[in-house]
């Protein structure tokens, strides 16, 4: 039902600057998204408008330029760095005579190719159905024709109504299955709460190094790649800290600017691991030029899903790429606010383990009980006090 792309397809990226903040960053992200999807970028065309054109988004003059590029490069797809309306997509495809998709569709396609767990696959399909339900008329020549003729006579339902009804039934089925999985997660969380096992979630912008850090801490084998959305399925492992016992650590999907709401809604069950966590480790690419903007974007999404009040420690990762020394920073109250480390080389990770031990002790005991010098393996660690 949902069109999938195949690797090595020739694509043109179309980016229209309408004055929104972070335009240049979004262009760079679109390049990375297309590369992550295995597409061959043959050209990039940009333009500026005060506001999107209601019919074509880019305006007739710019569409003519794109048409010339499509013919010159023999491109099969044009990807717009924006959310297009169904009417705009139809009009652009008629004008360009090729497949046209928007940023949301591209992200959904990447998610569909990366989801591995049963829950992840269900969530991606649910997001796809929510997106495609507004675009049913695309690609169908029979949707507005009434059923009729020999062997085709029916109660008068149009094909469009039939498709919508079938999608509605499928959506209900998917939600029921996800609800069952959600109940299983709830039971597991209750069991951890009874055992006083602390739950910690890794959150952060996509490609910040969460999975690399997760593997380093837990010795797991989560998929790691230098690409956007390498991790989609939440992976949870128990981690034993000699200083404080067991904790549960979860590696979650990364966030991105303008993350489609259909994904946020459909991935509620996965994001619930973040919502229910006792502590968030907000992993940041310390070597990235847009790290401050990425931090703000992640915090915005955390607020959107109801996780803004959960305590978090900022993990400044990839310090090996920017000559920053490992270390710990504290806020005005003496609490650990950030840790500088490299998940790839392991520099600074022991300090993170010690900090998690302190957090675990605070979770299990009254605050006053841990207001004493930090003793780990019979050694005093003043840098953590």
Protein backbone atom coordinates (compact mmCIF):
# COMPACT_ATOMS: atom_id res chain seq x y z
CA UNK A 1 0.00 0.00 0.00
CA UNK A 2 2.80 2.40 0.87
CA UNK A 3 5.35 2.97 -1.87
CA UNK A 4 8.87 1.97 -0.95
CA UNK A 5 12.01 3.30 -2.59
CA UNK A 6 14.93 1.20 -3.69
CA UNK A 7 18.60 2.03 -3.46
CA UNK A 8 20.48 3.92 -6.19
CA UNK A 9 17.43 5.86 -7.40
CA UNK A 10 18.37 9.21 -8.92
CA UNK A 11 16.79 12.07 -7.00
CA UNK A 12 16.72 15.86 -7.05
CA UNK A 13 16.36 17.75 -3.78
CA UNK A 14 14.13 20.84 -3.84
CA UNK A 15 14.43 23.32 -0.97
CA UNK A 16 12.42 26.53 -0.79
CA UNK A 17 13.39 29.14 1.81
CA UNK A 18 10.23 30.78 3.15
CA UNK A 19 12.06 32.59 5.94
CA UNK A 20 11.82 29.90 8.62
CA UNK A 21 14.65 29.60 11.13
CA UNK A 22 17.18 26.85 10.61
CA UNK A 23 16.63 26.65 6.86
CA UNK A 24 20.28 25.90 6.02
CA UNK A 25 20.44 23.14 8.65
CA UNK A 26 17.29 21.54 7.27
CA UNK A 27 18.87 21.45 3.80
CA UNK A 28 21.92 19.63 5.18
CA UNK A 29 19.63 17.20 7.02
CA UNK A 30 17.67 16.49 3.84
CA UNK A 31 20.93 15.50 2.15
CA UNK A 32 21.72 13.12 5.02
CA UNK A 33 18.20 11.70 4.99
CA UNK A 34 18.39 10.97 1.27
CA UNK A 35 21.81 9.38 1.66
CA UNK A 36 20.55 7.29 4.59
CA UNK A 37 17.75 6.04 2.33
CA UNK A 38 20.33 4.88 -0.21
CA UNK A 39 19.32 7.43 -2.85
CA UNK A 40 21.66 8.98 -5.41
CA UNK A 41 21.46 12.78 -5.19
CA UNK A 42 22.07 14.17 -8.67
CA UNK A 43 21.24 17.81 -7.99
CA UNK A 44 19.97 20.30 -5.43
CA UNK A 45 17.79 23.26 -6.37
CA UNK A 46 16.94 26.08 -3.99
CA UNK A 47 14.62 29.04 -4.11
CA UNK A 48 13.09 31.76 -1.96
CA UNK A 49 9.46 32.70 -1.50
CA UNK A 50 7.60 34.82 1.02
CA UNK A 51 5.03 32.04 1.37
CA UNK A 52 4.41 28.65 -0.28
CA UNK A 53 2.40 28.59 -3.49
CA UNK A 54 -1.00 26.95 -2.72
CA UNK A 55 -0.94 24.83 -5.89
CA UNK A 56 2.74 23.98 -6.47
CA UNK A 57 4.48 25.12 -3.27
CA UNK A 58 7.48 26.34 -5.29
CA UNK A 59 5.74 28.51 -7.88
CA UNK A 60 5.50 27.95 -11.62
CA UNK A 61 8.89 29.47 -12.51
CA UNK A 62 10.83 27.32 -10.07
CA UNK A 63 8.85 24.23 -11.13
CA UNK A 64 9.97 24.84 -14.72
CA UNK A 65 13.59 24.89 -13.51
CA UNK A 66 13.06 21.63 -11.64
CA UNK A 67 11.46 20.09 -14.73
CA UNK A 68 14.56 20.96 -16.78
CA UNK A 69 16.80 19.33 -14.17
CA UNK A 70 14.66 16.20 -14.06
CA UNK A 71 15.04 15.80 -17.82
CA UNK A 72 18.74 16.65 -17.82
CA UNK A 73 19.60 14.13 -15.10
CA UNK A 74 16.93 11.56 -15.98
CA UNK A 75 15.86 11.71 -12.31
CA UNK A 76 13.02 9.53 -11.08
CA UNK A 77 12.14 11.33 -7.85
CA UNK A 78 12.03 14.92 -6.61
CA UNK A 79 12.15 15.31 -2.85
CA UNK A 80 10.83 18.52 -1.31
CA UNK A 81 12.27 19.58 2.02
CA UNK A 82 8.81 20.47 3.25
CA UNK A 83 5.45 18.97 4.13
CA UNK A 84 3.40 19.00 0.92
CA UNK A 85 -0.37 18.84 0.79
CA UNK A 86 -1.94 16.00 -1.25
CA UNK A 87 -3.04 18.54 -3.89
CA UNK A 88 0.47 20.02 -4.14
CA UNK A 89 1.97 16.54 -4.61
CA UNK A 90 -0.53 15.71 -7.38
CA UNK A 91 0.04 19.02 -9.16
CA UNK A 92 3.83 18.72 -8.94
CA UNK A 93 3.81 15.16 -10.29
CA UNK A 94 1.69 16.26 -13.25
CA UNK A 95 4.02 19.17 -13.94
CA UNK A 96 7.31 17.32 -13.41
CA UNK A 97 6.20 13.97 -14.84
CA UNK A 98 8.00 12.07 -12.10
CA UNK A 99 7.47 10.86 -8.56
CA UNK A 100 7.31 13.65 -5.95
CA UNK A 101 7.62 13.06 -2.21
CA UNK A 102 8.07 15.33 0.78
CA UNK A 103 10.30 15.21 3.84
CA UNK A 104 7.71 13.31 5.89
CA UNK A 105 7.36 10.56 3.30
CA UNK A 106 11.15 10.20 3.11
CA UNK A 107 11.45 9.81 6.88
CA UNK A 108 8.62 7.27 6.90
CA UNK A 109 10.39 5.30 4.18
CA UNK A 110 13.62 5.22 6.19
CA UNK A 111 11.70 4.08 9.25
CA UNK A 112 10.03 1.31 7.22
CA UNK A 113 13.40 0.00 6.03
CA UNK A 114 15.00 0.06 9.51
CA UNK A 115 12.27 -1.25 11.84
CA UNK A 116 13.08 -4.80 12.95
CA UNK A 117 10.99 -5.62 16.02
CA UNK A 118 7.32 -6.58 15.79
CA UNK A 119 6.38 -3.43 17.67
CA UNK A 120 8.50 -1.20 15.48
CA UNK A 121 7.04 -2.64 12.29
CA UNK A 122 3.50 -2.13 13.61
CA UNK A 123 4.27 1.46 14.59
CA UNK A 124 5.78 2.30 11.20
CA UNK A 125 2.79 0.87 9.36
CA UNK A 126 0.44 2.85 11.59
CA UNK A 127 2.34 6.05 10.80
CA UNK A 128 2.31 5.23 7.09
CA UNK A 129 -1.43 4.63 7.08
CA UNK A 130 -2.05 7.91 8.89
CA UNK A 131 0.01 9.69 6.23
CA UNK A 132 -1.35 7.88 3.18
CA UNK A 133 -5.00 8.15 4.23
CA UNK A 134 -4.96 11.79 3.10
CA UNK A 135 -3.38 10.82 -0.22
CA UNK A 136 -5.56 7.92 -1.33
CA UNK A 137 -6.54 9.59 -4.56
CA UNK A 138 -2.93 9.63 -5.77
CA UNK A 139 -2.03 6.94 -8.24
CA UNK A 140 -5.59 5.59 -8.55
CA UNK A 141 -7.58 6.23 -11.72
CA UNK A 142 -10.69 4.41 -10.54
CA UNK A 143 -11.33 6.02 -7.16
CA UNK A 144 -14.12 8.34 -8.26
CA UNK A 145 -15.92 5.76 -10.40
CA UNK A 146 -18.99 4.08 -9.00
CA UNK A 147 -18.94 0.31 -8.90
CA UNK A 148 -21.11 -1.13 -11.61
CA UNK A 149 -21.35 -3.44 -14.59
CA UNK A 150 -21.69 -7.20 -14.83
CA UNK A 151 -20.19 -8.83 -11.75
CA UNK A 152 -19.26 -5.45 -10.28
CA UNK A 153 -22.59 -4.18 -9.04
CA UNK A 154 -22.53 -3.28 -5.35
CA UNK A 155 -24.26 -1.23 -2.73
CA UNK A 156 -23.08 2.01 -4.31
CA UNK A 157 -19.84 2.48 -2.35
CA UNK A 158 -17.09 4.24 -4.27
CA UNK A 159 -13.61 2.73 -4.40
CA UNK A 160 -12.32 5.69 -2.38
CA UNK A 161 -14.80 4.95 0.40
CA UNK A 162 -13.84 1.26 0.28
CA UNK A 163 -10.15 2.09 0.60
CA UNK A 164 -10.79 4.42 3.52
CA UNK A 165 -12.92 1.81 5.27
CA UNK A 166 -10.25 -0.88 4.81
CA UNK A 167 -7.55 1.48 6.09
CA UNK A 168 -9.72 2.29 9.11
CA UNK A 169 -10.09 -1.42 9.91
CA UNK A 170 -6.33 -1.95 9.54
CA UNK A 171 -5.55 1.02 11.79
CA UNK A 172 -7.86 -0.35 14.49
CA UNK A 173 -6.17 -3.76 14.27
CA UNK A 174 -2.69 -2.21 14.55
CA UNK A 175 -3.71 -0.08 17.54
CA UNK A 176 -5.15 -3.14 19.30
CA UNK A 177 -1.90 -5.07 18.79
CA UNK A 178 0.20 -2.13 20.00
CA UNK A 179 -2.07 -1.77 23.02
CA UNK A 180 -1.34 -5.38 23.98
CA UNK A 181 2.40 -4.76 23.69
CA UNK A 182 1.98 -1.60 25.75
CA UNK A 183 0.28 -3.59 28.51
CA UNK A 184 3.21 -6.01 28.50
CA UNK A 185 5.61 -3.10 28.93
CA UNK A 186 3.51 -1.77 31.79
CA UNK A 187 3.69 -5.14 33.57
CA UNK A 188 7.46 -5.23 33.10
CA UNK A 189 7.83 -1.68 34.47
CA UNK A 190 5.72 -2.53 37.51
CA UNK A 191 7.93 -5.53 38.20
CA UNK A 192 11.03 -3.30 38.00
CA UNK A 193 9.42 -0.76 40.32
CA UNK A 194 8.66 -3.44 42.92
CA UNK A 195 12.29 -4.52 42.79
CA UNK A 196 13.41 -0.87 42.99
CA UNK A 197 15.29 -1.19 39.70
CA UNK A 198 16.09 2.23 38.29
CA UNK A 199 15.13 2.90 34.65
CA UNK A 200 17.41 5.08 32.50
CA UNK A 201 16.78 6.06 28.86
CA UNK A 202 19.25 7.33 26.29
CA UNK A 203 17.71 10.19 24.31
CA UNK A 204 19.13 12.64 21.82
CA UNK A 205 19.28 13.86 18.26
CA UNK A 206 19.63 11.21 15.60
CA UNK A 207 23.24 10.11 14.95
CA UNK A 208 24.48 11.56 18.25
CA UNK A 209 26.07 8.23 19.26
CA UNK A 210 23.40 6.79 21.58
CA UNK A 211 23.74 3.21 20.33
CA UNK A 212 27.54 3.31 20.53
CA UNK A 213 27.32 4.44 24.16
CA UNK A 214 24.62 1.84 24.87
CA UNK A 215 26.83 -0.94 23.49
CA UNK A 216 29.83 0.31 25.46
CA UNK A 217 27.88 0.33 28.74
CA UNK A 218 25.97 -2.93 28.32
CA UNK A 219 28.21 -4.92 25.93
CA UNK A 220 25.18 -5.32 23.68
CA UNK A 221 25.27 -5.55 19.89
CA UNK A 222 22.84 -2.81 18.86
CA UNK A 223 23.20 -1.71 15.24
CA UNK A 224 25.56 1.24 14.88
CA UNK A 225 26.09 3.29 11.72
CA UNK A 226 27.08 6.83 10.79
CA UNK A 227 23.65 7.64 9.39
CA UNK A 228 20.34 9.12 10.45
CA UNK A 229 17.88 6.84 12.26
CA UNK A 230 20.22 3.86 12.56
CA UNK A 231 18.19 2.86 15.64
CA UNK A 232 14.40 2.70 15.55
CA UNK A 233 13.49 -0.09 17.94
CA UNK A 234 13.89 0.48 21.66
CA UNK A 235 16.50 -1.91 23.09
CA UNK A 236 16.52 -2.50 26.85
CA UNK A 237 19.25 -4.22 28.85
CA UNK A 238 20.00 -4.68 32.53
CA UNK A 239 23.26 -3.10 33.61
CA UNK A 240 25.03 -4.11 36.81
CA UNK A 241 26.96 -1.37 38.61
CA UNK A 242 29.32 -2.61 41.32
CA UNK A 243 28.68 0.66 43.16
CA UNK A 244 24.90 0.37 43.32
CA UNK A 245 23.51 -2.82 41.82
CA UNK A 246 21.26 -3.21 38.80
CA UNK A 247 19.68 -0.59 36.58
CA UNK A 248 17.72 -0.89 33.34
CA UNK A 249 19.11 1.05 30.36
CA UNK A 250 17.08 1.72 27.18
CA UNK A 251 18.34 2.89 23.79
CA UNK A 252 15.59 4.85 22.00
CA UNK A 253 14.90 6.33 18.57
CA UNK A 254 16.64 9.61 17.81
CA UNK A 255 14.82 12.88 17.23
CA UNK A 256 15.10 15.26 14.31
CA UNK A 257 13.93 18.73 13.36
CA UNK A 258 10.30 18.71 12.20
CA UNK A 259 9.77 15.10 13.24
CA UNK A 260 6.39 14.20 11.67
CA UNK A 261 3.55 14.19 14.20
CA UNK A 262 2.33 10.91 12.74
CA UNK A 263 5.58 9.35 13.93
CA UNK A 264 5.37 10.92 17.39
CA UNK A 265 1.80 9.66 17.78
CA UNK A 266 2.44 6.19 16.35
CA UNK A 267 5.64 5.64 18.34
CA UNK A 268 3.95 6.50 21.62
CA UNK A 269 4.49 2.97 22.95
CA UNK A 270 8.23 3.14 22.21
CA UNK A 271 8.56 6.68 23.51
CA UNK A 272 6.78 5.56 26.66
CA UNK A 273 10.08 4.05 27.80
CA UNK A 274 11.36 7.63 27.79
CA UNK A 275 8.27 9.01 29.52
CA UNK A 276 8.47 6.43 32.32
CA UNK A 277 12.25 6.66 32.88
CA UNK A 278 13.70 7.77 36.20
CA UNK A 279 16.66 9.47 34.51
CA UNK A 280 17.43 10.60 30.95
CA UNK A 281 20.91 10.60 29.47
CA UNK A 282 20.67 13.27 26.77
CA UNK A 283 23.43 12.33 24.31
CA UNK A 284 24.81 15.19 22.22
CA UNK A 285 27.32 15.25 19.37
CA UNK A 286 29.84 17.61 20.98
CA UNK A 287 31.69 17.93 17.67
CA UNK A 288 28.59 18.94 15.75
CA UNK A 289 28.26 22.61 14.71
CA UNK A 290 24.54 22.63 15.56
CA UNK A 291 24.73 20.95 18.95
CA UNK A 292 22.93 23.77 20.81
CA UNK A 293 20.06 23.73 18.31
CA UNK A 294 19.87 19.94 18.54
CA UNK A 295 19.70 20.12 22.33
CA UNK A 296 16.81 22.57 22.08
CA UNK A 297 15.00 20.43 19.53
CA UNK A 298 15.29 17.29 21.66
CA UNK A 299 14.05 19.16 24.73
CA UNK A 300 11.12 20.44 22.68
CA UNK A 301 10.12 16.90 21.67
CA UNK A 302 10.60 15.68 25.26
CA UNK A 303 8.16 18.37 26.36
CA UNK A 304 5.75 17.35 23.63
CA UNK A 305 5.67 13.72 24.80
CA UNK A 306 5.43 14.64 28.48
CA UNK A 307 9.02 13.89 29.55
CA UNK A 308 10.24 17.44 30.20
CA UNK A 309 10.24 17.09 33.99
CA UNK A 310 12.33 13.92 34.11
CA UNK A 311 15.85 14.57 35.47
CA UNK A 312 18.51 14.44 32.77
CA UNK A 313 22.27 14.48 32.46
CA UNK A 314 23.78 15.97 29.32
CA UNK A 315 26.27 13.56 27.73
CA UNK A 316 28.69 15.47 25.49
CA UNK A 317 29.76 12.64 23.21
CA UNK A 318 32.40 12.40 20.44
CA UNK A 319 34.96 14.54 22.29
CA UNK A 320 37.66 12.62 20.41
CA UNK A 321 36.62 14.55 17.31
CA UNK A 322 36.98 18.02 18.81
CA UNK A 323 39.91 17.80 21.27
CA UNK A 324 37.76 18.22 24.39
CA UNK A 325 39.00 16.58 27.57
CA UNK A 326 36.75 14.11 29.42
CA UNK A 327 35.25 15.40 32.62
CA UNK A 328 32.20 16.26 34.71
CA UNK A 329 30.40 19.56 35.11
CA UNK A 330 28.02 20.46 37.93
CA UNK A 331 25.25 23.00 38.28
CA UNK A 332 24.92 25.67 40.99
CA UNK A 333 23.42 23.10 43.34
CA UNK A 334 26.35 20.71 43.02
CA UNK A 335 24.45 18.15 40.95
CA UNK A 336 26.06 16.56 37.91
CA UNK A 337 24.71 18.41 34.87
CA UNK A 338 26.92 17.12 32.05
CA UNK A 339 29.64 14.58 31.34
CA UNK A 340 32.20 14.86 28.55
CA UNK A 341 33.15 11.52 26.99
CA UNK A 342 33.78 9.50 23.86
CA UNK A 343 31.62 6.40 23.48
CA UNK A 344 33.88 5.23 20.65
CA UNK A 345 37.20 5.37 22.54
CA UNK A 346 35.80 4.93 26.06
CA UNK A 347 37.35 8.13 27.41
CA UNK A 348 35.18 9.51 30.20
CA UNK A 349 32.86 6.47 30.33
CA UNK A 350 34.13 5.38 33.80
CA UNK A 351 33.01 8.77 35.15
CA UNK A 352 29.57 8.16 33.63
CA UNK A 353 29.37 4.75 35.28
CA UNK A 354 30.25 6.31 38.63
CA UNK A 355 27.64 9.05 38.09
CA UNK A 356 25.00 6.41 37.29
CA UNK A 357 25.95 4.65 40.50
CA UNK A 358 25.32 7.83 42.48
CA UNK A 359 21.99 8.31 40.69
CA UNK A 360 21.06 4.70 41.47
CA UNK A 361 21.85 5.18 45.14
CA UNK A 362 19.78 8.36 45.24
CA UNK A 363 16.89 6.50 43.59
CA UNK A 364 17.05 3.70 46.16
CA UNK A 365 17.82 5.71 49.29
CA UNK A 366 16.80 9.06 50.82
CA UNK A 367 18.82 12.01 49.54
CA UNK A 368 20.33 12.60 52.95
CA UNK A 369 21.73 9.09 52.96
CA UNK A 370 24.00 9.82 49.99
CA UNK A 371 25.18 13.26 51.13
CA UNK A 372 28.61 11.96 52.02
CA UNK A 373 31.99 11.50 50.30
CA UNK A 374 31.76 9.32 47.20
CA UNK A 375 33.36 5.94 47.93
CA UNK A 376 33.69 3.55 44.99
CA UNK A 377 35.54 0.26 45.37
CA UNK A 378 36.95 1.55 48.70
CA UNK A 379 38.45 4.58 46.95
CA UNK A 380 37.49 8.23 47.43
CA UNK A 381 36.46 10.09 44.25
CA UNK A 382 36.44 13.83 44.98
CA UNK A 383 35.64 14.69 41.33
CA UNK A 384 32.17 13.22 41.85
CA UNK A 385 31.39 15.12 45.07
